[in-house]
Amino acid sequence: MGISSIVTLVASVVVGGALGAAGIVGLVSSQTAAPDKSPISVEKPVIEYGQ
């Protein structure tokens, strides 16, 4: 395994981790945001897509 392979592997892990973390942060913040910014509420538990 050459140096370039190791660098590519490390870069892939870093980029993948960053994308995964960003996705989790976005999901958690959208579900825990203020009621006017969250797609789900107690009064309206069903998400209506395309509106």
N, C-alpha and C. Protein backbone atom coordinates (compact mmCIF):
# COMPACT_ATOMS: atom_id res chain seq x y z
N MET A 1 0.86 -1.17 0.00
CA MET A 1 0.00 0.00 0.00
C MET A 1 0.90 1.23 0.00
N GLY A 2 0.75 2.05 -1.02
CA GLY A 2 1.59 3.23 -1.16
C GLY A 2 1.05 4.42 -0.38
N ILE A 3 1.86 5.46 -0.35
CA ILE A 3 1.49 6.69 0.35
C ILE A 3 0.21 7.27 -0.24
N SER A 4 0.08 7.29 -1.55
CA SER A 4 -1.11 7.88 -2.16
C SER A 4 -2.37 7.11 -1.80
N SER A 5 -2.26 5.79 -1.66
CA SER A 5 -3.41 4.98 -1.25
C SER A 5 -3.83 5.31 0.18
N ILE A 6 -2.86 5.50 1.05
CA ILE A 6 -3.16 5.84 2.44
C ILE A 6 -3.79 7.22 2.53
N VAL A 7 -3.26 8.18 1.78
CA VAL A 7 -3.82 9.53 1.77
C VAL A 7 -5.25 9.51 1.23
N THR A 8 -5.49 8.75 0.19
CA THR A 8 -6.83 8.63 -0.38
C THR A 8 -7.79 8.01 0.63
N LEU A 9 -7.34 6.98 1.32
CA LEU A 9 -8.17 6.32 2.33
C LEU A 9 -8.52 7.29 3.46
N VAL A 10 -7.54 8.03 3.96
CA VAL A 10 -7.78 8.98 5.04
C VAL A 10 -8.72 10.09 4.57
N ALA A 11 -8.52 10.60 3.37
CA ALA A 11 -9.38 11.66 2.84
C ALA A 11 -10.81 11.15 2.69
N SER A 12 -10.98 9.92 2.24
CA SER A 12 -12.31 9.35 2.09
C SER A 12 -13.02 9.22 3.43
N VAL A 13 -12.28 8.79 4.44
CA VAL A 13 -12.87 8.65 5.78
C VAL A 13 -13.27 10.01 6.33
N VAL A 14 -12.43 11.01 6.14
CA VAL A 14 -12.74 12.36 6.64
C VAL A 14 -13.96 12.93 5.92
N VAL A 15 -13.99 12.84 4.61
CA VAL A 15 -15.12 13.37 3.84
C VAL A 15 -16.41 12.62 4.18
N GLY A 16 -16.34 11.31 4.26
CA GLY A 16 -17.52 10.52 4.61
C GLY A 16 -18.03 10.85 6.01
N GLY A 17 -17.12 11.00 6.94
CA GLY A 17 -17.51 11.37 8.30
C GLY A 17 -18.16 12.74 8.35
N ALA A 18 -17.61 13.68 7.60
CA ALA A 18 -18.18 15.04 7.58
C ALA A 18 -19.58 15.03 6.96
N LEU A 19 -19.77 14.29 5.88
CA LEU A 19 -21.09 14.21 5.27
C LEU A 19 -22.10 13.51 6.19
N GLY A 20 -21.67 12.46 6.84
CA GLY A 20 -22.55 11.77 7.78
C GLY A 20 -22.94 12.65 8.96
N ALA A 21 -21.96 13.36 9.51
CA ALA A 21 -22.24 14.25 10.63
C ALA A 21 -23.17 15.38 10.23
N ALA A 22 -22.97 15.93 9.04
CA ALA A 22 -23.84 17.01 8.56
C ALA A 22 -25.27 16.52 8.39
N GLY A 23 -25.42 15.32 7.89
CA GLY A 23 -26.76 14.75 7.73
C GLY A 23 -27.45 14.52 9.06
N ILE A 24 -26.71 14.00 10.03
CA ILE A 24 -27.29 13.76 11.35
C ILE A 24 -27.66 15.07 12.03
N VAL A 25 -26.78 16.06 11.93
CA VAL A 25 -27.05 17.38 12.53
C VAL A 25 -28.30 18.00 11.89
N GLY A 26 -28.41 17.91 10.58
CA GLY A 26 -29.58 18.45 9.90
C GLY A 26 -30.86 17.76 10.32
N LEU A 27 -30.82 16.45 10.43
CA LEU A 27 -32.01 15.69 10.83
C LEU A 27 -32.42 16.03 12.26
N VAL A 28 -31.45 16.04 13.16
CA VAL A 28 -31.77 16.31 14.56
C VAL A 28 -32.28 17.74 14.72
N SER A 29 -31.64 18.70 14.06
CA SER A 29 -32.08 20.08 14.22
C SER A 29 -33.46 20.31 13.61
N SER A 30 -33.78 19.63 12.53
CA SER A 30 -35.11 19.80 11.93
C SER A 30 -36.19 19.19 12.80
N GLN A 31 -35.86 18.14 13.53
CA GLN A 31 -36.86 17.49 14.38
C GLN A 31 -36.98 18.14 15.75
N THR A 32 -35.99 18.90 16.15
CA THR A 32 -36.01 19.51 17.48
C THR A 32 -36.11 21.03 17.41
N ALA A 33 -36.33 21.58 16.24
CA ALA A 33 -36.42 23.03 16.07
C ALA A 33 -37.73 23.55 16.66
N ALA A 34 -37.86 24.86 16.66
CA ALA A 34 -39.09 25.49 17.12
C ALA A 34 -40.27 24.95 16.32
N PRO A 35 -41.46 24.93 16.90
CA PRO A 35 -42.62 24.33 16.20
C PRO A 35 -42.91 24.92 14.82
N ASP A 36 -42.63 26.21 14.62
CA ASP A 36 -42.90 26.79 13.30
C ASP A 36 -41.88 26.36 12.26
N LYS A 37 -40.74 25.81 12.70
CA LYS A 37 -39.71 25.38 11.75
C LYS A 37 -39.62 23.87 11.64
N SER A 38 -40.27 23.15 12.52
CA SER A 38 -40.24 21.69 12.51
C SER A 38 -41.39 21.16 11.65
N PRO A 39 -41.13 20.16 10.82
CA PRO A 39 -42.19 19.64 9.95
C PRO A 39 -43.25 18.82 10.69
N ILE A 40 -42.98 18.43 11.93
CA ILE A 40 -43.91 17.59 12.68
C ILE A 40 -44.33 18.32 13.94
N SER A 41 -45.61 18.29 14.26
CA SER A 41 -46.10 18.88 15.49
C SER A 41 -47.17 17.97 16.08
N VAL A 42 -47.57 18.25 17.32
CA VAL A 42 -48.58 17.44 17.98
C VAL A 42 -49.93 17.60 17.28
N GLU A 43 -50.22 18.81 16.83
CA GLU A 43 -51.50 19.06 16.18
C GLU A 43 -51.58 18.46 14.77
N LYS A 44 -50.44 18.33 14.12
CA LYS A 44 -50.42 17.84 12.74
C LYS A 44 -49.32 16.78 12.61
N PRO A 45 -49.59 15.54 13.04
CA PRO A 45 -48.54 14.53 13.08
C PRO A 45 -48.15 13.94 11.73
N VAL A 46 -48.90 14.24 10.68
CA VAL A 46 -48.61 13.68 9.36
C VAL A 46 -47.89 14.73 8.51
N ILE A 47 -46.82 14.31 7.87
CA ILE A 47 -46.09 15.20 6.98
C ILE A 47 -46.75 15.15 5.61
N GLU A 48 -47.13 16.29 5.08
CA GLU A 48 -47.73 16.34 3.76
C GLU A 48 -46.67 16.86 2.79
N TYR A 49 -46.17 15.98 1.97
CA TYR A 49 -45.09 16.32 1.04
C TYR A 49 -45.65 17.05 -0.18
N GLY A 50 -44.85 17.92 -0.74
CA GLY A 50 -45.21 18.59 -1.99
C GLY A 50 -46.09 19.80 -1.82
N GLN A 51 -46.17 20.32 -0.64
CA GLN A 51 -47.00 21.52 -0.44
C GLN A 51 -46.14 22.71 -0.12
